[in-house]
């Protein structure tokens, strides 16, 4: 049972932030609607400790939904900065390689979504799920999910 395997860290975090709840899950994730940090399978190793604190950092920072895709990148960076700040309090030697890799994947996601499906130049997001190309004038929609395959639908 994952929750029991990291009990000392969780007890310390819950003492500091009693409003945050924890539950087992398939991946590490912060659910602002439920006020729950879900724990991933690797919660007992070094990487898992970093991702646990990263999701706790989202909760501490009050991150909820984001408007534009670049806002998600900003929130991820803020959460990793907070993780580096609080890690020593929980006896975790912060290693920025986890943050660098995670932020890199979000940058790639953002870059792929912003690439025009007609001329392949980068466009600008004008609304939550819509981009425009300055080069050819194309407009396209993208799915909301950060975990799905990048699809762009010309409108």
Foldseek 3Di string as FASTA:
>chain_A
DLCVLPVVLVVLLCVVPVQAAEDEDCPFAQALVVSYTYAHPPCNDLLNVLSSQLNVLCSVVVPHDDKALVVVLVSSVSSNVVSCVCQVVSVRDDDCVSSVVVSVLSVVLQLLQQQDPPPRDGFDADTRFKTARPPPGWIWGFDNDSPDDTDTHTD
